Amino acid sequence: VLGLRARGHTVRALVRESSGEEDEHGVLPEPHHLLGNPFLWFVTAWHIRRAIRDFKPDIMHILVEPYVLAMPFVRMTTKDMPPWILSIIGTYSVSPLYIFVVRRLMCNAYRRADGFVVLSHYTQKRVSESVVERCGEACARDAQKRMTVFPLGIEDVPETPRKPDPHCKHVLFVSEIKPRKGVREILKRNVKTFKPFML
């Protein structure tokens, strides 16, 4: 979102918990709750439809798979439906296809999404296999045509020489920096334990 804004795009985000960022609305339910609660499909659809009406986006990006369960209801009640894409982050993305209650809606999403962003060739292969198994070969073949793979990774960064400091600790943190991860607490504890401390 920040990268898009830095390039001059206007972004409105519907999220579960707002972090206070500009044009971020904490209105969505916990994603996994949608897998067992049809009422939340309608609540989510209402919020998405309202955002489409007020914001008039050129494109809609759905990052967390359970939110696509609301899309049939959004389409039924929205006059000018923007194109929408779904990010498929990992192989766990196929889990909703194996839940009987939501399988039809997930298959519908694979048929109707305008595109998919897949973060590895392995995930693309695994998702395609699951879509064949649960939604049929025609659905999988059609969805495959709309998948774009953007492999995750980092560019090789030239090594910068460091002056070794025997009293300085260098920490590599690998995870999301979110309050629920306890990052602040970890850093405070390490600062007390290992002085001086360098991030």
N, C-alpha and C. Protein backbone atom coordinates (compact mmCIF):
# COMPACT_ATOMS: atom_id res chain seq x y z
N VAL A 1 0.83 -1.19 0.00
CA VAL A 1 0.00 0.00 0.00
C VAL A 1 0.88 1.25 0.00
N LEU A 2 1.89 1.27 0.86
CA LEU A 2 2.75 2.45 0.93
C LEU A 2 3.52 2.64 -0.37
N GLY A 3 3.94 1.54 -1.00
CA GLY A 3 4.65 1.63 -2.27
C GLY A 3 3.77 2.21 -3.37
N LEU A 4 2.50 1.81 -3.39
CA LEU A 4 1.57 2.35 -4.38
C LEU A 4 1.35 3.84 -4.16
N ARG A 5 1.20 4.20 -2.90
CA ARG A 5 1.00 5.62 -2.58
C ARG A 5 2.23 6.44 -2.95
N ALA A 6 3.40 5.88 -2.73
CA ALA A 6 4.64 6.59 -3.07
C ALA A 6 4.74 6.84 -4.57
N ARG A 7 4.09 6.00 -5.36
CA ARG A 7 4.09 6.17 -6.82
C ARG A 7 2.94 7.06 -7.30
N GLY A 8 2.20 7.66 -6.37
CA GLY A 8 1.15 8.60 -6.73
C GLY A 8 -0.24 8.01 -6.84
N HIS A 9 -0.41 6.72 -6.52
CA HIS A 9 -1.73 6.10 -6.57
C HIS A 9 -2.50 6.41 -5.29
N THR A 10 -3.80 6.42 -5.40
CA THR A 10 -4.65 6.59 -4.23
C THR A 10 -5.14 5.22 -3.81
N VAL A 11 -4.94 4.88 -2.56
CA VAL A 11 -5.29 3.55 -2.07
C VAL A 11 -6.19 3.68 -0.85
N ARG A 12 -7.28 2.96 -0.86
CA ARG A 12 -8.11 2.82 0.33
C ARG A 12 -8.00 1.37 0.76
N ALA A 13 -7.80 1.14 2.03
CA ALA A 13 -7.62 -0.22 2.53
C ALA A 13 -8.74 -0.57 3.50
N LEU A 14 -9.39 -1.69 3.23
CA LEU A 14 -10.33 -2.27 4.18
C LEU A 14 -9.56 -3.36 4.91
N VAL A 15 -9.45 -3.23 6.21
CA VAL A 15 -8.66 -4.15 7.01
C VAL A 15 -9.46 -4.59 8.24
N ARG A 16 -8.89 -5.54 8.96
CA ARG A 16 -9.54 -5.99 10.19
C ARG A 16 -9.26 -5.00 11.32
N GLU A 17 -7.99 -4.64 11.48
CA GLU A 17 -7.61 -3.67 12.51
C GLU A 17 -6.86 -2.52 11.87
N SER A 18 -7.35 -1.33 12.05
CA SER A 18 -6.68 -0.17 11.48
C SER A 18 -5.43 0.16 12.29
N SER A 19 -4.35 0.46 11.56
CA SER A 19 -3.11 0.84 12.22
C SER A 19 -2.98 2.36 12.31
N GLY A 20 -4.00 3.06 11.84
CA GLY A 20 -3.97 4.51 11.88
C GLY A 20 -3.42 5.13 10.61
N GLU A 21 -3.06 4.30 9.64
CA GLU A 21 -2.57 4.82 8.36
C GLU A 21 -3.69 5.55 7.64
N GLU A 22 -3.31 6.44 6.75
CA GLU A 22 -4.25 7.23 5.98
C GLU A 22 -5.19 6.34 5.17
N ASP A 23 -6.47 6.64 5.20
CA ASP A 23 -7.50 5.96 4.42
C ASP A 23 -7.51 4.45 4.63
N GLU A 24 -7.32 4.05 5.88
CA GLU A 24 -7.36 2.64 6.27
C GLU A 24 -8.57 2.46 7.18
N HIS A 25 -9.43 1.52 6.84
CA HIS A 25 -10.69 1.35 7.57
C HIS A 25 -10.75 -0.04 8.19
N GLY A 26 -10.75 -0.10 9.51
CA GLY A 26 -10.83 -1.37 10.23
C GLY A 26 -12.26 -1.84 10.36
N VAL A 27 -12.80 -2.43 9.29
CA VAL A 27 -14.21 -2.81 9.27
C VAL A 27 -14.43 -4.30 9.02
N LEU A 28 -13.40 -5.03 8.63
CA LEU A 28 -13.57 -6.42 8.23
C LEU A 28 -13.50 -7.37 9.43
N PRO A 29 -14.24 -8.47 9.37
CA PRO A 29 -14.13 -9.46 10.44
C PRO A 29 -12.84 -10.26 10.30
N GLU A 30 -12.51 -11.01 11.33
CA GLU A 30 -11.36 -11.93 11.29
C GLU A 30 -11.56 -12.87 10.09
N PRO A 31 -10.57 -12.99 9.20
CA PRO A 31 -10.79 -13.75 7.96
C PRO A 31 -11.24 -15.19 8.17
N HIS A 32 -10.62 -15.90 9.10
CA HIS A 32 -10.99 -17.31 9.26
C HIS A 32 -12.41 -17.49 9.81
N HIS A 33 -12.98 -16.44 10.40
CA HIS A 33 -14.37 -16.54 10.87
C HIS A 33 -15.36 -16.64 9.71
N LEU A 34 -14.97 -16.13 8.54
CA LEU A 34 -15.85 -16.22 7.38
C LEU A 34 -16.03 -17.66 6.91
N LEU A 35 -15.08 -18.52 7.24
CA LEU A 35 -15.14 -19.91 6.79
C LEU A 35 -16.28 -20.68 7.44
N GLY A 36 -16.78 -20.21 8.56
CA GLY A 36 -17.86 -20.93 9.23
C GLY A 36 -19.06 -20.09 9.58
N ASN A 37 -19.13 -18.86 9.08
CA ASN A 37 -20.22 -17.98 9.46
C ASN A 37 -20.76 -17.22 8.24
N PRO A 38 -21.80 -17.76 7.59
CA PRO A 38 -22.37 -17.10 6.41
C PRO A 38 -22.83 -15.67 6.65
N PHE A 39 -23.24 -15.34 7.86
CA PHE A 39 -23.64 -13.96 8.15
C PHE A 39 -22.49 -12.99 7.86
N LEU A 40 -21.27 -13.42 8.14
CA LEU A 40 -20.11 -12.54 7.91
C LEU A 40 -19.83 -12.35 6.43
N TRP A 41 -20.29 -13.25 5.57
CA TRP A 41 -20.15 -13.04 4.12
C TRP A 41 -20.90 -11.78 3.73
N PHE A 42 -22.11 -11.64 4.28
CA PHE A 42 -22.96 -10.49 3.96
C PHE A 42 -22.41 -9.21 4.58
N VAL A 43 -21.90 -9.29 5.81
CA VAL A 43 -21.30 -8.13 6.46
C VAL A 43 -20.11 -7.64 5.65
N THR A 44 -19.26 -8.57 5.24
CA THR A 44 -18.08 -8.23 4.46
C THR A 44 -18.49 -7.65 3.10
N ALA A 45 -19.47 -8.28 2.47
CA ALA A 45 -19.96 -7.79 1.18
C ALA A 45 -20.49 -6.37 1.31
N TRP A 46 -21.19 -6.08 2.39
CA TRP A 46 -21.74 -4.74 2.60
C TRP A 46 -20.61 -3.71 2.68
N HIS A 47 -19.55 -4.03 3.43
CA HIS A 47 -18.42 -3.10 3.56
C HIS A 47 -17.70 -2.90 2.22
N ILE A 48 -17.50 -3.99 1.48
CA ILE A 48 -16.83 -3.89 0.18
C ILE A 48 -17.68 -3.08 -0.79
N ARG A 49 -18.97 -3.38 -0.84
CA ARG A 49 -19.87 -2.66 -1.75
C ARG A 49 -19.91 -1.17 -1.43
N ARG A 50 -19.95 -0.85 -0.15
CA ARG A 50 -19.97 0.55 0.26
C ARG A 50 -18.67 1.26 -0.15
N ALA A 51 -17.53 0.57 0.03
CA ALA A 51 -16.24 1.17 -0.36
C ALA A 51 -16.18 1.37 -1.87
N ILE A 52 -16.72 0.42 -2.64
CA ILE A 52 -16.74 0.57 -4.10
C ILE A 52 -17.59 1.77 -4.49
N ARG A 53 -18.75 1.91 -3.86
CA ARG A 53 -19.64 3.03 -4.16
C ARG A 53 -19.00 4.38 -3.82
N ASP A 54 -18.36 4.46 -2.64
CA ASP A 54 -17.79 5.74 -2.18
C ASP A 54 -16.46 6.07 -2.84
N PHE A 55 -15.62 5.06 -3.04
CA PHE A 55 -14.24 5.27 -3.49
C PHE A 55 -14.08 5.14 -5.01
N LYS A 56 -14.96 4.35 -5.64
CA LYS A 56 -14.92 4.10 -7.09
C LYS A 56 -13.52 3.66 -7.56
N PRO A 57 -13.04 2.50 -7.06
CA PRO A 57 -11.70 2.06 -7.42
C PRO A 57 -11.61 1.60 -8.87
N ASP A 58 -10.41 1.72 -9.43
CA ASP A 58 -10.16 1.19 -10.77
C ASP A 58 -9.91 -0.31 -10.72
N ILE A 59 -9.41 -0.79 -9.60
CA ILE A 59 -9.15 -2.21 -9.41
C ILE A 59 -9.24 -2.51 -7.92
N MET A 60 -9.60 -3.74 -7.61
CA MET A 60 -9.70 -4.18 -6.22
C MET A 60 -8.78 -5.37 -6.02
N HIS A 61 -8.00 -5.35 -4.95
CA HIS A 61 -7.05 -6.41 -4.65
C HIS A 61 -7.45 -7.05 -3.34
N ILE A 62 -7.70 -8.36 -3.36
CA ILE A 62 -8.05 -9.09 -2.15
C ILE A 62 -6.84 -9.91 -1.75
N LEU A 63 -6.35 -9.67 -0.55
CA LEU A 63 -5.13 -10.31 -0.10
C LEU A 63 -5.39 -11.60 0.67
N VAL A 64 -6.46 -11.67 1.42
CA VAL A 64 -6.72 -12.83 2.27
C VAL A 64 -7.90 -13.60 1.69
N GLU A 65 -7.66 -14.88 1.36
CA GLU A 65 -8.62 -15.68 0.61
C GLU A 65 -10.04 -15.72 1.16
N PRO A 66 -10.28 -15.88 2.47
CA PRO A 66 -11.68 -15.97 2.91
C PRO A 66 -12.56 -14.78 2.54
N TYR A 67 -11.95 -13.61 2.31
CA TYR A 67 -12.76 -12.45 1.95
C TYR A 67 -13.41 -12.61 0.57
N VAL A 68 -12.90 -13.51 -0.28
CA VAL A 68 -13.54 -13.71 -1.58
C VAL A 68 -14.91 -14.38 -1.43
N LEU A 69 -15.19 -14.95 -0.27
CA LEU A 69 -16.51 -15.56 -0.05
C LEU A 69 -17.62 -14.52 -0.16
N ALA A 70 -17.28 -13.26 0.04
CA ALA A 70 -18.27 -12.19 -0.05
C ALA A 70 -18.50 -11.72 -1.48
N MET A 71 -17.61 -12.06 -2.39
CA MET A 71 -17.66 -11.47 -3.73
C MET A 71 -18.93 -11.76 -4.53
N PRO A 72 -19.53 -12.96 -4.46
CA PRO A 72 -20.79 -13.14 -5.20
C PRO A 72 -21.87 -12.15 -4.75
N PHE A 73 -21.90 -11.85 -3.46
CA PHE A 73 -22.90 -10.94 -2.93
C PHE A 73 -22.56 -9.49 -3.28
N VAL A 74 -21.28 -9.20 -3.39
CA VAL A 74 -20.86 -7.86 -3.84
C VAL A 74 -21.31 -7.67 -5.29
N ARG A 75 -21.04 -8.66 -6.13
CA ARG A 75 -21.40 -8.55 -7.56
C ARG A 75 -22.91 -8.40 -7.75
N MET A 76 -23.70 -9.12 -6.95
CA MET A 76 -25.16 -9.06 -7.09
C MET A 76 -25.72 -7.69 -6.74
N THR A 77 -25.00 -6.94 -5.90
CA THR A 77 -25.56 -5.68 -5.39
C THR A 77 -24.79 -4.44 -5.85
N THR A 78 -23.81 -4.61 -6.74
CA THR A 78 -22.98 -3.49 -7.17
C THR A 78 -23.17 -3.25 -8.66
N LYS A 79 -23.53 -2.03 -9.01
CA LYS A 79 -23.79 -1.71 -10.40
C LYS A 79 -22.50 -1.67 -11.23
N ASP A 80 -21.52 -0.89 -10.80
CA ASP A 80 -20.27 -0.75 -11.54
C ASP A 80 -19.16 -1.50 -10.81
N MET A 81 -19.07 -2.78 -11.07
CA MET A 81 -18.11 -3.64 -10.39
C MET A 81 -16.72 -3.47 -11.01
N PRO A 82 -15.71 -3.08 -10.21
CA PRO A 82 -14.35 -2.96 -10.76
C PRO A 82 -13.74 -4.36 -10.93
N PRO A 83 -12.73 -4.49 -11.78
CA PRO A 83 -12.03 -5.76 -11.86
C PRO A 83 -11.35 -6.05 -10.51
N TRP A 84 -11.25 -7.33 -10.18
CA TRP A 84 -10.63 -7.67 -8.91
C TRP A 84 -9.66 -8.84 -9.06
N ILE A 85 -8.60 -8.77 -8.26
CA ILE A 85 -7.59 -9.83 -8.27
C ILE A 85 -7.42 -10.38 -6.86
N LEU A 86 -6.95 -11.61 -6.79
CA LEU A 86 -6.72 -12.28 -5.52
C LEU A 86 -5.25 -12.67 -5.43
N SER A 87 -4.62 -12.35 -4.31
CA SER A 87 -3.26 -12.81 -4.06
C SER A 87 -3.31 -14.19 -3.44
N ILE A 88 -2.52 -15.09 -3.97
CA ILE A 88 -2.41 -16.44 -3.43
C ILE A 88 -1.00 -16.54 -2.86
N ILE A 89 -0.91 -16.44 -1.55
CA ILE A 89 0.37 -16.28 -0.87
C ILE A 89 1.09 -17.62 -0.65
N GLY A 90 0.39 -18.61 -0.19
CA GLY A 90 1.03 -19.89 0.13
C GLY A 90 0.09 -21.04 -0.14
N THR A 91 0.59 -22.25 0.08
CA THR A 91 -0.23 -23.42 -0.22
C THR A 91 -1.43 -23.54 0.71
N TYR A 92 -1.39 -22.87 1.87
CA TYR A 92 -2.56 -22.86 2.75
C TYR A 92 -3.75 -22.16 2.09
N SER A 93 -3.50 -21.45 1.01
CA SER A 93 -4.57 -20.73 0.31
C SER A 93 -5.63 -21.67 -0.24
N VAL A 94 -5.28 -22.94 -0.41
CA VAL A 94 -6.25 -23.88 -0.95
C VAL A 94 -7.15 -24.47 0.14
N SER A 95 -6.84 -24.21 1.39
CA SER A 95 -7.62 -24.81 2.49
C SER A 95 -9.12 -24.60 2.36
N PRO A 96 -9.60 -23.39 2.01
CA PRO A 96 -11.05 -23.22 1.89
C PRO A 96 -11.70 -24.13 0.83
N LEU A 97 -10.94 -24.57 -0.17
CA LEU A 97 -11.51 -25.48 -1.17
C LEU A 97 -11.89 -26.82 -0.56
N TYR A 98 -11.30 -27.16 0.57
CA TYR A 98 -11.56 -28.44 1.22
C TYR A 98 -12.58 -28.35 2.35
N ILE A 99 -13.22 -27.18 2.48
CA ILE A 99 -14.29 -27.00 3.46
C ILE A 99 -15.61 -27.02 2.70
N PHE A 100 -16.42 -28.02 2.96
CA PHE A 100 -17.63 -28.25 2.18
C PHE A 100 -18.52 -27.02 2.10
N VAL A 101 -18.70 -26.32 3.20
CA VAL A 101 -19.64 -25.19 3.27
C VAL A 101 -19.25 -24.06 2.32
N VAL A 102 -17.95 -23.86 2.09
CA VAL A 102 -17.51 -22.72 1.29
C VAL A 102 -16.94 -23.11 -0.07
N ARG A 103 -16.85 -24.39 -0.36
CA ARG A 103 -16.21 -24.83 -1.61
C ARG A 103 -16.82 -24.19 -2.85
N ARG A 104 -18.14 -24.15 -2.94
CA ARG A 104 -18.78 -23.57 -4.14
C ARG A 104 -18.42 -22.10 -4.32
N LEU A 105 -18.40 -21.36 -3.21
CA LEU A 105 -18.04 -19.94 -3.29
C LEU A 105 -16.58 -19.76 -3.70
N MET A 106 -15.70 -20.63 -3.20
CA MET A 106 -14.29 -20.54 -3.58
C MET A 106 -14.12 -20.89 -5.06
N CYS A 107 -14.80 -21.92 -5.52
CA CYS A 107 -14.73 -22.27 -6.94
C CYS A 107 -15.25 -21.12 -7.79
N ASN A 108 -16.30 -20.48 -7.31
CA ASN A 108 -16.84 -19.30 -7.99
C ASN A 108 -15.78 -18.21 -8.09
N ALA A 109 -15.01 -18.03 -7.02
CA ALA A 109 -13.94 -17.01 -7.03
C ALA A 109 -12.88 -17.36 -8.06
N TYR A 110 -12.53 -18.64 -8.16
CA TYR A 110 -11.53 -19.04 -9.16
C TYR A 110 -12.06 -18.87 -10.58
N ARG A 111 -13.37 -18.97 -10.74
CA ARG A 111 -13.95 -18.75 -12.08
C ARG A 111 -14.07 -17.27 -12.42
N ARG A 112 -14.34 -16.43 -11.42
CA ARG A 112 -14.73 -15.05 -11.68
C ARG A 112 -13.65 -13.99 -11.48
N ALA A 113 -12.63 -14.28 -10.70
CA ALA A 113 -11.60 -13.25 -10.46
C ALA A 113 -10.96 -12.85 -11.78
N ASP A 114 -10.64 -11.59 -11.90
CA ASP A 114 -10.01 -11.10 -13.13
C ASP A 114 -8.54 -11.48 -13.21
N GLY A 115 -7.96 -11.81 -12.07
CA GLY A 115 -6.56 -12.23 -12.07
C GLY A 115 -6.14 -12.73 -10.72
N PHE A 116 -5.00 -13.40 -10.72
CA PHE A 116 -4.43 -13.94 -9.49
C PHE A 116 -2.95 -13.59 -9.46
N VAL A 117 -2.47 -13.17 -8.30
CA VAL A 117 -1.05 -12.95 -8.09
C VAL A 117 -0.59 -14.11 -7.21
N VAL A 118 0.33 -14.91 -7.72
CA VAL A 118 0.81 -16.09 -7.01
C VAL A 118 2.29 -15.88 -6.69
N LEU A 119 2.69 -16.20 -5.46
CA LEU A 119 4.03 -15.83 -5.04
C LEU A 119 5.09 -16.90 -5.20
N SER A 120 4.78 -18.00 -5.88
CA SER A 120 5.82 -18.98 -6.24
C SER A 120 5.25 -19.94 -7.27
N HIS A 121 6.14 -20.53 -8.05
CA HIS A 121 5.70 -21.53 -9.03
C HIS A 121 5.18 -22.77 -8.32
N TYR A 122 5.78 -23.11 -7.17
CA TYR A 122 5.29 -24.26 -6.40
C TYR A 122 3.86 -24.02 -5.94
N THR A 123 3.58 -22.83 -5.41
CA THR A 123 2.22 -22.51 -4.96
C THR A 123 1.25 -22.55 -6.12
N GLN A 124 1.66 -22.03 -7.27
CA GLN A 124 0.80 -22.06 -8.46
C GLN A 124 0.45 -23.50 -8.83
N LYS A 125 1.44 -24.38 -8.79
CA LYS A 125 1.21 -25.80 -9.12
C LYS A 125 0.26 -26.44 -8.11
N ARG A 126 0.50 -26.19 -6.83
CA ARG A 126 -0.34 -26.78 -5.78
C ARG A 126 -1.77 -26.26 -5.84
N VAL A 127 -1.92 -24.97 -6.07
CA VAL A 127 -3.26 -24.39 -6.18
C VAL A 127 -3.98 -24.96 -7.39
N SER A 128 -3.29 -25.04 -8.52
CA SER A 128 -3.91 -25.59 -9.74
C SER A 128 -4.37 -27.02 -9.52
N GLU A 129 -3.57 -27.83 -8.83
CA GLU A 129 -3.95 -29.22 -8.54
C GLU A 129 -5.22 -29.27 -7.68
N SER A 130 -5.28 -28.40 -6.67
CA SER A 130 -6.45 -28.37 -5.79
C SER A 130 -7.69 -27.87 -6.51
N VAL A 131 -7.52 -26.89 -7.40
CA VAL A 131 -8.67 -26.39 -8.15
C VAL A 131 -9.18 -27.47 -9.10
N VAL A 132 -8.29 -28.24 -9.72
CA VAL A 132 -8.71 -29.38 -10.56
C VAL A 132 -9.52 -30.34 -9.72
N GLU A 133 -8.98 -30.68 -8.55
CA GLU A 133 -9.62 -31.67 -7.68
C GLU A 133 -10.98 -31.21 -7.17
N ARG A 134 -11.12 -29.95 -6.80
CA ARG A 134 -12.35 -29.46 -6.16
C ARG A 134 -13.31 -28.73 -7.09
N CYS A 135 -12.78 -28.11 -8.16
CA CYS A 135 -13.64 -27.28 -9.02
C CYS A 135 -13.71 -27.80 -10.46
N GLY A 136 -12.85 -28.72 -10.80
CA GLY A 136 -12.87 -29.27 -12.15
C GLY A 136 -11.73 -28.74 -13.03
N GLU A 137 -11.42 -29.52 -14.06
CA GLU A 137 -10.31 -29.17 -14.95
C GLU A 137 -10.54 -27.88 -15.72
N ALA A 138 -11.77 -27.66 -16.18
CA ALA A 138 -12.05 -26.45 -16.96
C ALA A 138 -11.82 -25.20 -16.11
N CYS A 139 -12.27 -25.21 -14.87
CA CYS A 139 -12.07 -24.08 -13.96
C CYS A 139 -10.57 -23.86 -13.72
N ALA A 140 -9.85 -24.94 -13.47
CA ALA A 140 -8.41 -24.83 -13.19
C ALA A 140 -7.66 -24.31 -14.41
N ARG A 141 -7.99 -24.81 -15.58
CA ARG A 141 -7.32 -24.38 -16.81
C ARG A 141 -7.56 -22.89 -17.05
N ASP A 142 -8.80 -22.46 -16.84
CA ASP A 142 -9.14 -21.05 -17.03
C ASP A 142 -8.45 -20.16 -16.00
N ALA A 143 -8.44 -20.59 -14.74
CA ALA A 143 -7.80 -19.81 -13.67
C ALA A 143 -6.29 -19.72 -13.91
N GLN A 144 -5.71 -20.81 -14.39
CA GLN A 144 -4.26 -20.84 -14.66
C GLN A 144 -3.86 -19.74 -15.66
N LYS A 145 -4.72 -19.48 -16.63
CA LYS A 145 -4.43 -18.45 -17.64
C LYS A 145 -4.39 -17.06 -17.03
N ARG A 146 -5.06 -16.87 -15.90
CA ARG A 146 -5.13 -15.56 -15.26
C ARG A 146 -4.17 -15.42 -14.09
N MET A 147 -3.29 -16.42 -13.89
CA MET A 147 -2.32 -16.37 -12.79
C MET A 147 -1.01 -15.76 -13.26
N THR A 148 -0.49 -14.85 -12.44
CA THR A 148 0.81 -14.26 -12.67
C THR A 148 1.68 -14.58 -11.46
N VAL A 149 2.84 -15.15 -11.70
CA VAL A 149 3.74 -15.51 -10.61
C VAL A 149 4.72 -14.37 -10.36
N PHE A 150 4.75 -13.92 -9.12
CA PHE A 150 5.72 -12.92 -8.65
C PHE A 150 6.51 -13.56 -7.53
N PRO A 151 7.61 -14.24 -7.86
CA PRO A 151 8.37 -14.93 -6.79
C PRO A 151 8.89 -13.94 -5.75
N LEU A 152 8.79 -14.37 -4.50
CA LEU A 152 9.35 -13.57 -3.43
C LEU A 152 10.86 -13.75 -3.42
N GLY A 153 11.56 -12.79 -2.95
CA GLY A 153 13.01 -12.89 -2.85
C GLY A 153 13.60 -11.53 -2.64
N ILE A 154 14.89 -11.50 -2.53
CA ILE A 154 15.59 -10.23 -2.36
C ILE A 154 16.70 -10.14 -3.39
N GLU A 155 17.04 -8.94 -3.73
CA GLU A 155 18.18 -8.73 -4.62
C GLU A 155 19.46 -8.89 -3.82
N ASP A 156 20.49 -9.35 -4.50
CA ASP A 156 21.79 -9.47 -3.85
C ASP A 156 22.32 -8.07 -3.59
N VAL A 157 22.56 -7.78 -2.34
CA VAL A 157 23.03 -6.45 -1.95
C VAL A 157 24.54 -6.51 -1.78
N PRO A 158 25.27 -5.57 -2.38
CA PRO A 158 26.72 -5.59 -2.18
C PRO A 158 27.07 -5.47 -0.70
N GLU A 159 28.03 -6.25 -0.29
CA GLU A 159 28.40 -6.25 1.11
C GLU A 159 29.09 -4.94 1.48
N THR A 160 28.66 -4.38 2.58
CA THR A 160 29.29 -3.15 3.06
C THR A 160 30.16 -3.53 4.25
N PRO A 161 31.40 -3.08 4.24
CA PRO A 161 32.28 -3.44 5.34
C PRO A 161 31.81 -2.82 6.66
N ARG A 162 31.87 -3.61 7.72
CA ARG A 162 31.50 -3.13 9.04
C ARG A 162 32.71 -3.12 9.94
N LYS A 163 32.73 -2.16 10.81
CA LYS A 163 33.78 -2.15 11.82
C LYS A 163 33.33 -3.06 12.95
N PRO A 164 34.06 -4.10 13.18
CA PRO A 164 33.63 -5.00 14.26
C PRO A 164 33.67 -4.31 15.62
N ASP A 165 32.60 -4.45 16.34
CA ASP A 165 32.51 -3.91 17.69
C ASP A 165 32.18 -5.09 18.61
N PRO A 166 33.12 -5.49 19.44
CA PRO A 166 32.89 -6.68 20.27
C PRO A 166 31.74 -6.51 21.26
N HIS A 167 31.32 -5.29 21.52
CA HIS A 167 30.23 -5.06 22.48
C HIS A 167 28.88 -4.86 21.80
N CYS A 168 28.88 -4.86 20.49
CA CYS A 168 27.66 -4.55 19.75
C CYS A 168 27.04 -5.82 19.20
N LYS A 169 25.75 -6.02 19.41
CA LYS A 169 25.03 -7.17 18.90
C LYS A 169 24.29 -6.78 17.62
N HIS A 170 24.31 -7.63 16.66
CA HIS A 170 23.60 -7.41 15.40
C HIS A 170 22.49 -8.44 15.32
N VAL A 171 21.28 -7.99 15.17
CA VAL A 171 20.13 -8.88 15.20
C VAL A 171 19.42 -8.83 13.86
N LEU A 172 19.13 -9.98 13.32
CA LEU A 172 18.32 -10.08 12.12
C LEU A 172 16.95 -10.58 12.56
N PHE A 173 15.93 -9.79 12.36
CA PHE A 173 14.57 -10.16 12.73
C PHE A 173 13.85 -10.63 11.48
N VAL A 174 13.32 -11.84 11.51
CA VAL A 174 12.64 -12.40 10.35
C VAL A 174 11.20 -12.70 10.74
N SER A 175 10.30 -11.83 10.34
CA SER A 175 8.88 -12.01 10.58
C SER A 175 8.19 -10.70 10.22
N GLU A 176 6.90 -10.66 10.48
CA GLU A 176 6.16 -9.42 10.30
C GLU A 176 6.34 -8.58 11.55
N ILE A 177 6.39 -7.28 11.37
CA ILE A 177 6.48 -6.40 12.53
C ILE A 177 5.07 -5.93 12.83
N LYS A 178 4.41 -6.69 13.69
CA LYS A 178 3.04 -6.40 14.10
C LYS A 178 2.97 -6.50 15.61
N PRO A 179 2.05 -5.78 16.22
CA PRO A 179 1.95 -5.83 17.68
C PRO A 179 1.78 -7.25 18.23
N ARG A 180 1.02 -8.10 17.53
CA ARG A 180 0.76 -9.44 18.06
C ARG A 180 2.00 -10.32 18.04
N LYS A 181 3.05 -9.91 17.33
CA LYS A 181 4.30 -10.68 17.28
C LYS A 181 5.17 -10.40 18.50
N GLY A 182 4.87 -9.36 19.26
CA GLY A 182 5.65 -9.04 20.44
C GLY A 182 7.02 -8.45 20.14
N VAL A 183 7.15 -7.80 19.00
CA VAL A 183 8.44 -7.27 18.58
C VAL A 183 8.95 -6.22 19.57
N ARG A 184 8.08 -5.32 19.97
CA ARG A 184 8.49 -4.26 20.89
C ARG A 184 9.04 -4.86 22.19
N GLU A 185 8.35 -5.87 22.71
CA GLU A 185 8.79 -6.51 23.95
C GLU A 185 10.13 -7.21 23.77
N ILE A 186 10.31 -7.87 22.62
CA ILE A 186 11.58 -8.56 22.34
C ILE A 186 12.72 -7.55 22.29
N LEU A 187 12.50 -6.45 21.59
CA LEU A 187 13.55 -5.45 21.46
C LEU A 187 13.90 -4.82 22.81
N LYS A 188 12.88 -4.49 23.60
CA LYS A 188 13.13 -3.89 24.91
C LYS A 188 13.93 -4.84 25.79
N ARG A 189 13.56 -6.11 25.75
CA ARG A 189 14.28 -7.11 26.57
C ARG A 189 15.73 -7.25 26.10
N ASN A 190 15.95 -7.27 24.79
CA ASN A 190 17.30 -7.41 24.27
C ASN A 190 18.15 -6.19 24.54
N VAL A 191 17.55 -5.01 24.51
CA VAL A 191 18.29 -3.78 24.81
C VAL A 191 18.80 -3.85 26.25
N LYS A 192 17.96 -4.35 27.16
CA LYS A 192 18.37 -4.45 28.57
C LYS A 192 19.45 -5.52 28.75
N THR A 193 19.34 -6.59 28.00
CA THR A 193 20.26 -7.72 28.16
C THR A 193 21.59 -7.51 27.47
N PHE A 194 21.54 -6.98 26.23
CA PHE A 194 22.75 -6.86 25.43
C PHE A 194 23.03 -5.38 25.13
N LYS A 195 23.79 -4.73 25.94
CA LYS A 195 24.12 -3.31 25.67
C LYS A 195 25.57 -3.25 25.21
N PRO A 196 25.92 -2.41 24.24
CA PRO A 196 25.01 -1.69 23.35
C PRO A 196 24.35 -2.64 22.35
N PHE A 197 23.23 -2.22 21.82
CA PHE A 197 22.41 -3.05 20.96
C PHE A 197 22.22 -2.35 19.64
N MET A 198 22.42 -3.07 18.52
CA MET A 198 22.29 -2.44 17.21
C MET A 198 21.32 -3.23 16.37
N LEU A 199 20.38 -2.55 15.73
CA LEU A 199 19.44 -3.19 14.80
C LEU A 199 19.91 -2.95 13.39
